[in-house]
Amino acid sequence: MIKKLIQNLIFIQILIFNVAFVGSLEAIIPFYKLPNEDVLRKNSLALAKNAYQLLYFGQIKESLNLSKLAISLNDNDPKLWSLLAETQIANDLYENALNSIKEGKKLDPEMSELYFTESSIFIKQNKIKDAQKSLKKGLNLQPDNINGLFQLGNLYLMEKNFKKSLDIFNESTNIKPTFWQAFNNKGLIFFELNNIPIAIKNFKKAIEIESNAEPLLALAVCIQNENFKESILLAKKALSKDPNYVDNEYRKEQLWGQKIQKQTNKLFSSKELKQDIAIAKLLKK
C-alpha cells in the first residue's frame, strides 16, 4: 500500500512538472493557426495562374512544379488537374497527364476542357481514333469550341478523309469567320483534290485575315506557273516570316499533302530563291 502511494505521488509530481513545462514552452513557441480551406484554395489558384504564365513563356519544368504544388494545396479542383495535365504534356509525361485527366473527370465529368486536353495527349501518342473520341465528347459538351473543331478537322485531314475534314472546317469558319487557320487548311485540301482555283481562294482569304507564312507560301506554290514573279515574292516573304517552312518535314507536320509538297519543292528549286532558302535553313529551328 505504501509502495502504491509513493508511486502515485511520483506520478502526480511528474504530471505537475509536465504541465508546467508545456506552459513555459507555450510562452516561448508562438502559436500558428493552420490555414483554412478558403485560404488554401486561393493560394492554389494563385499558383495555377503563375504556372500558366510559366508554361506560356516556355518554362515547362518550373510550370510543372508549380502545378504540382497547386494540386497539393487543393486536389478538389478539376481545373487544377487539367492544368497539371497540360504541364505534364509539355514535359512529355503523357501517361502522368492521362492520370491527371482521370482525376479531373472524377471531380467533373462534364468539364469539356478535360476531353480536349486528353485528345492532345492521344495525338502526341499517335492514337488518332482515341483522340477523335475525346474531341467528340468535348464538342458534345461545348459544340462551339473553335480549337476543338479545328483539331477534329485536322485529324480527319490526317486520315485523308477530306469530306469530313471540310465539313468541320466549314463549321468552324461559320462560327468564327476570322479563323484563318481553317481557311488555310481548306486550301490544303482543295489542292490535294486538284481544285487549285478554290485552293487559291481559301489561301487568299486566310492571308486577308492574317498575313501568315503558311498561306503565303501555299499561295506562292499555287500560282507559280501562272505568275512566277509574284510567286517568288510571296515565297520570299513567307520564308522571312517563318524559316521553318523551308523544311519538308516541318510542312508535313503542318499537314501539307504530297501534291503540294511536290510543287513546293519545284518552286524551291528556282535559282531566284537559292539565297533565301540558304538563309532559311540557317535560321530554322
Protein backbone atom coordinates (compact mmCIF):
# COMPACT_ATOMS: atom_id res chain seq x y z
CA MET A 1 0.00 0.00 0.00
CA ILE A 2 2.79 2.40 0.92
CA LYS A 3 4.57 1.48 -2.28
CA LYS A 4 1.50 2.23 -4.35
CA LEU A 5 1.02 5.58 -2.58
CA ILE A 6 4.61 6.53 -3.30
CA GLN A 7 4.10 5.60 -6.99
CA ASN A 8 1.00 7.80 -7.16
CA LEU A 9 2.85 10.72 -5.62
CA ILE A 10 5.67 10.35 -8.10
CA PHE A 11 3.15 10.24 -10.97
CA ILE A 12 1.45 13.41 -9.69
CA GLN A 13 4.81 15.20 -9.46
CA ILE A 14 5.70 14.18 -12.99
CA LEU A 15 2.31 15.38 -14.25
CA ILE A 16 2.70 18.75 -12.49
CA PHE A 17 6.20 19.11 -13.94
CA ASN A 18 4.99 18.33 -17.49
CA VAL A 19 2.12 20.80 -17.28
CA ALA A 20 4.48 23.49 -16.02
CA PHE A 21 7.00 22.61 -18.75
CA VAL A 22 4.37 22.79 -21.52
CA GLY A 23 3.17 26.10 -20.15
CA SER A 24 6.68 27.50 -20.27
CA LEU A 25 7.07 26.25 -23.86
CA GLU A 26 3.88 27.99 -24.91
CA ALA A 27 5.38 31.21 -23.65
CA ILE A 28 8.43 30.64 -25.87
CA ILE A 29 6.99 28.99 -29.01
CA PRO A 30 4.44 31.07 -30.96
CA PHE A 31 1.09 29.50 -31.86
CA TYR A 32 0.45 29.01 -35.59
CA LYS A 33 -3.08 28.69 -36.92
CA LEU A 34 -3.37 26.27 -39.84
CA PRO A 35 -4.84 27.89 -42.98
CA ASN A 36 -8.47 27.04 -43.71
CA GLU A 37 -9.80 25.61 -46.97
CA ASP A 38 -10.61 29.02 -48.40
CA VAL A 39 -7.04 30.23 -47.90
CA LEU A 40 -5.63 27.04 -49.44
CA ARG A 41 -7.96 27.38 -52.42
CA LYS A 42 -6.94 30.99 -53.05
CA ASN A 43 -3.26 30.08 -52.78
CA SER A 44 -3.69 27.18 -55.19
CA LEU A 45 -5.40 29.43 -57.76
CA ALA A 46 -2.61 31.99 -57.47
CA LEU A 47 -0.04 29.24 -58.07
CA ALA A 48 -2.07 27.98 -61.03
CA LYS A 49 -2.06 31.44 -62.59
CA ASN A 50 1.73 31.62 -62.26
CA ALA A 51 2.06 28.10 -63.67
CA TYR A 52 0.07 29.11 -66.77
CA GLN A 53 2.33 32.11 -67.27
CA LEU A 54 5.46 30.00 -66.96
CA LEU A 55 4.03 27.46 -69.40
CA TYR A 56 3.25 30.24 -71.88
CA PHE A 57 6.82 31.52 -71.71
CA GLY A 58 8.29 28.04 -72.16
CA GLN A 59 9.50 27.45 -68.60
CA ILE A 60 7.98 23.99 -68.61
CA LYS A 61 9.77 22.42 -65.64
CA GLU A 62 9.01 25.36 -63.38
CA SER A 63 5.40 25.33 -64.56
CA LEU A 64 5.12 21.62 -63.74
CA ASN A 65 6.49 22.13 -60.23
CA LEU A 66 4.04 24.95 -59.53
CA SER A 67 1.15 22.87 -60.86
CA LYS A 68 2.08 20.03 -58.53
CA LEU A 69 2.22 22.44 -55.61
CA ALA A 70 -1.19 23.86 -56.51
CA ILE A 71 -2.68 20.35 -56.53
CA SER A 72 -1.09 19.57 -53.17
CA LEU A 73 -2.96 22.55 -51.69
CA ASN A 74 -6.27 21.82 -53.40
CA ASP A 75 -6.89 18.49 -55.13
CA ASN A 76 -10.64 19.06 -55.43
CA ASP A 77 -10.50 21.47 -58.37
CA PRO A 78 -10.75 19.78 -61.80
CA LYS A 79 -9.25 22.87 -63.47
CA LEU A 80 -6.05 22.33 -61.50
CA TRP A 81 -5.91 18.72 -62.70
CA SER A 82 -6.37 19.95 -66.27
CA LEU A 83 -3.53 22.43 -65.76
CA LEU A 84 -1.30 19.73 -64.30
CA ALA A 85 -2.03 17.55 -67.34
CA GLU A 86 -1.04 20.40 -69.68
CA THR A 87 2.27 20.95 -67.91
CA GLN A 88 2.90 17.20 -67.93
CA ILE A 89 2.25 17.11 -71.69
CA ALA A 90 4.77 19.92 -72.15
CA ASN A 91 7.30 17.78 -70.27
CA ASP A 92 6.47 14.66 -72.36
CA LEU A 93 4.91 12.91 -69.33
CA TYR A 94 1.96 11.57 -71.29
CA GLU A 95 0.88 8.71 -69.02
CA ASN A 96 1.05 11.00 -66.00
CA ALA A 97 -1.06 13.51 -67.91
CA LEU A 98 -3.69 10.86 -68.66
CA ASN A 99 -3.83 10.01 -64.95
CA SER A 100 -4.35 13.68 -64.14
CA ILE A 101 -7.20 13.82 -66.65
CA LYS A 102 -8.81 10.80 -64.96
CA GLU A 103 -8.64 12.54 -61.59
CA GLY A 104 -10.21 15.65 -63.11
CA LYS A 105 -13.04 13.61 -64.65
CA LYS A 106 -13.84 12.07 -61.26
CA LEU A 107 -14.49 15.57 -59.95
CA ASP A 108 -16.30 16.93 -63.03
CA PRO A 109 -17.07 14.51 -65.88
CA GLU A 110 -18.86 17.36 -67.72
CA MET A 111 -15.79 19.59 -67.99
CA SER A 112 -15.09 19.84 -71.74
CA GLU A 113 -11.50 21.09 -71.32
CA LEU A 114 -10.51 17.74 -69.83
CA TYR A 115 -11.54 15.92 -73.01
CA PHE A 116 -9.82 18.44 -75.28
CA THR A 117 -6.60 18.10 -73.26
CA GLU A 118 -6.97 14.31 -73.32
CA SER A 119 -7.24 14.39 -77.11
CA SER A 120 -3.95 16.30 -77.37
CA ILE A 121 -2.25 13.55 -75.35
CA PHE A 122 -3.58 10.87 -77.69
CA ILE A 123 -2.38 12.90 -80.69
CA LYS A 124 1.11 13.01 -79.16
CA GLN A 125 0.90 9.22 -78.78
CA ASN A 126 -0.36 8.88 -82.37
CA LYS A 127 -3.63 7.35 -81.15
CA ILE A 128 -5.81 9.09 -83.72
CA LYS A 129 -9.05 7.19 -83.09
CA ASP A 130 -8.82 7.75 -79.34
CA ALA A 131 -8.12 11.44 -79.97
CA GLN A 132 -11.21 11.69 -82.17
CA LYS A 133 -13.38 10.10 -79.46
CA SER A 134 -12.11 12.53 -76.84
CA LEU A 135 -12.66 15.52 -79.12
CA LYS A 136 -16.20 14.43 -79.94
CA LYS A 137 -17.00 14.07 -76.22
CA GLY A 138 -15.60 17.52 -75.59
CA LEU A 139 -17.56 19.01 -78.50
CA ASN A 140 -20.76 17.38 -77.28
CA LEU A 141 -20.29 19.41 -74.11
CA GLN A 142 -19.06 22.56 -75.89
CA PRO A 143 -20.12 22.48 -79.56
CA ASP A 144 -18.77 25.91 -80.47
CA ASN A 145 -15.21 25.32 -79.25
CA ILE A 146 -13.18 26.54 -82.23
CA ASN A 147 -9.91 24.87 -81.25
CA GLY A 148 -11.66 21.56 -80.65
CA LEU A 149 -13.38 21.71 -84.02
CA PHE A 150 -10.14 22.64 -85.77
CA GLN A 151 -8.29 19.76 -84.16
CA LEU A 152 -11.01 17.30 -85.15
CA GLY A 153 -10.85 18.60 -88.72
CA ASN A 154 -7.10 18.11 -88.67
CA LEU A 155 -7.47 14.51 -87.50
CA TYR A 156 -9.77 13.76 -90.43
CA LEU A 157 -7.28 15.50 -92.70
CA MET A 158 -4.51 13.24 -91.38
CA GLU A 159 -6.66 10.27 -92.39
CA LYS A 160 -7.28 11.89 -95.81
CA ASN A 161 -10.98 11.94 -95.05
CA PHE A 162 -11.32 15.20 -96.96
CA LYS A 163 -15.12 15.40 -96.91
CA LYS A 164 -15.43 15.17 -93.12
CA SER A 165 -12.46 17.48 -92.67
CA LEU A 166 -14.01 20.13 -94.94
CA ASP A 167 -17.34 19.85 -93.12
CA ILE A 168 -15.62 20.52 -89.79
CA PHE A 169 -13.55 23.42 -91.15
CA ASN A 170 -16.66 24.95 -92.71
CA GLU A 171 -18.44 24.66 -89.38
CA SER A 172 -15.56 26.39 -87.61
CA THR A 173 -15.45 29.29 -90.10
CA ASN A 174 -19.22 29.69 -89.79
CA ILE A 175 -18.76 30.13 -86.04
CA LYS A 176 -15.69 32.34 -86.43
CA PRO A 177 -15.36 33.95 -89.89
CA THR A 178 -11.90 35.29 -88.99
CA PHE A 179 -10.45 31.84 -88.27
CA TRP A 180 -7.68 31.95 -90.88
CA GLN A 181 -6.21 28.58 -89.93
CA ALA A 182 -9.36 26.79 -91.09
CA PHE A 183 -9.34 28.65 -94.43
CA ASN A 184 -5.67 27.72 -94.83
CA ASN A 185 -6.34 24.03 -94.24
CA LYS A 186 -9.32 24.08 -96.58
CA GLY A 187 -6.88 25.36 -99.18
CA LEU A 188 -4.56 22.43 -98.49
CA ILE A 189 -7.43 20.00 -99.03
CA PHE A 190 -8.58 21.57 -102.29
CA PHE A 191 -5.00 21.48 -103.59
CA GLU A 192 -4.87 17.71 -102.97
CA LEU A 193 -8.25 17.43 -104.75
CA ASN A 194 -6.71 19.24 -107.77
CA ASN A 195 -9.12 22.15 -107.35
CA ILE A 196 -6.45 24.85 -107.49
CA PRO A 197 -8.80 27.85 -108.07
CA ILE A 198 -10.73 27.07 -104.85
CA ALA A 199 -7.44 26.41 -103.05
CA ILE A 200 -6.21 29.85 -104.13
CA LYS A 201 -9.46 31.43 -102.95
CA ASN A 202 -9.04 29.94 -99.47
CA PHE A 203 -5.36 30.83 -99.19
CA LYS A 204 -6.14 34.43 -100.18
CA LYS A 205 -8.92 34.56 -97.60
CA ALA A 206 -6.52 33.30 -94.93
CA ILE A 207 -3.93 35.96 -95.90
CA GLU A 208 -6.60 38.65 -95.87
CA ILE A 209 -7.26 37.78 -92.23
CA GLU A 210 -3.66 37.08 -91.18
CA SER A 211 -0.54 37.51 -93.32
CA ASN A 212 0.95 34.27 -92.03
CA ALA A 213 3.87 32.43 -93.60
CA GLU A 214 1.90 29.25 -94.28
CA PRO A 215 -0.84 30.60 -96.60
CA LEU A 216 1.68 32.96 -98.19
CA LEU A 217 3.90 30.07 -99.22
CA ALA A 218 0.93 27.90 -100.20
CA LEU A 219 -0.41 30.66 -102.45
CA ALA A 220 3.07 31.08 -103.97
CA VAL A 221 3.05 27.37 -104.84
CA CYS A 222 -0.42 27.64 -106.39
CA ILE A 223 0.41 30.49 -108.77
CA GLN A 224 3.99 29.62 -109.75
CA ASN A 225 3.00 28.52 -113.26
CA GLU A 226 0.70 31.48 -113.99
CA ASN A 227 2.54 34.31 -112.21
CA PHE A 228 6.10 33.24 -111.46
CA LYS A 229 7.34 36.69 -110.43
CA GLU A 230 4.57 37.16 -107.84
CA SER A 231 5.10 33.59 -106.68
CA ILE A 232 8.77 34.28 -105.92
CA LEU A 233 7.90 37.44 -103.99
CA LEU A 234 5.34 35.56 -101.88
CA ALA A 235 7.80 32.72 -101.19
CA LYS A 236 10.50 35.17 -100.10
CA LYS A 237 8.05 36.89 -97.77
CA ALA A 238 6.90 33.57 -96.31
CA LEU A 239 10.44 32.33 -95.62
CA SER A 240 11.39 35.62 -93.99
CA LYS A 241 8.37 35.36 -91.69
CA ASP A 242 8.96 31.73 -90.76
CA PRO A 243 12.14 29.98 -91.98
CA ASN A 244 10.81 26.62 -90.73
CA TYR A 245 8.68 26.32 -93.87
CA VAL A 246 11.85 25.65 -95.85
CA ASP A 247 11.85 22.19 -94.28
CA ASN A 248 9.86 19.39 -95.88
CA GLU A 249 9.26 17.56 -92.57
CA TYR A 250 8.05 20.73 -90.90
CA ARG A 251 5.50 21.28 -93.65
CA LYS A 252 4.43 17.68 -93.31
CA GLU A 253 3.77 18.30 -89.60
CA GLN A 254 1.52 21.16 -90.70
CA LEU A 255 -0.44 18.58 -92.74
CA TRP A 256 0.79 19.55 -96.19
CA GLY A 257 -0.13 16.75 -98.61
CA GLN A 258 2.03 15.01 -101.17
CA LYS A 259 0.87 17.08 -104.13
CA ILE A 260 1.52 20.48 -102.61
CA GLN A 261 4.82 19.23 -101.18
CA LYS A 262 5.94 18.16 -104.64
CA GLN A 263 5.05 21.55 -106.12
CA THR A 264 6.73 23.35 -103.22
CA ASN A 265 9.98 21.50 -103.91
CA LYS A 266 9.63 22.52 -107.55
CA LEU A 267 9.29 26.18 -106.55
CA PHE A 268 12.23 25.91 -104.16
CA SER A 269 14.44 24.65 -106.97
CA SER A 270 14.22 28.10 -108.61
CA LYS A 271 17.50 29.98 -108.71
CA GLU A 272 15.65 33.13 -107.63
CA LEU A 273 15.10 31.55 -104.20
CA LYS A 274 18.53 30.00 -103.74
CA GLN A 275 19.83 32.63 -101.32
CA ASP A 276 16.55 32.85 -99.39
CA ILE A 277 16.47 29.09 -98.93
CA ALA A 278 20.09 29.01 -97.73
CA ILE A 279 19.35 31.70 -95.14
CA ALA A 280 16.13 29.97 -94.06
CA LYS A 281 17.98 26.69 -93.50
CA LEU A 282 20.42 28.50 -91.22
CA LEU A 283 17.63 30.22 -89.26
CA LYS A 284 15.09 27.42 -88.93
CA LYS A 285 14.63 25.86 -85.50
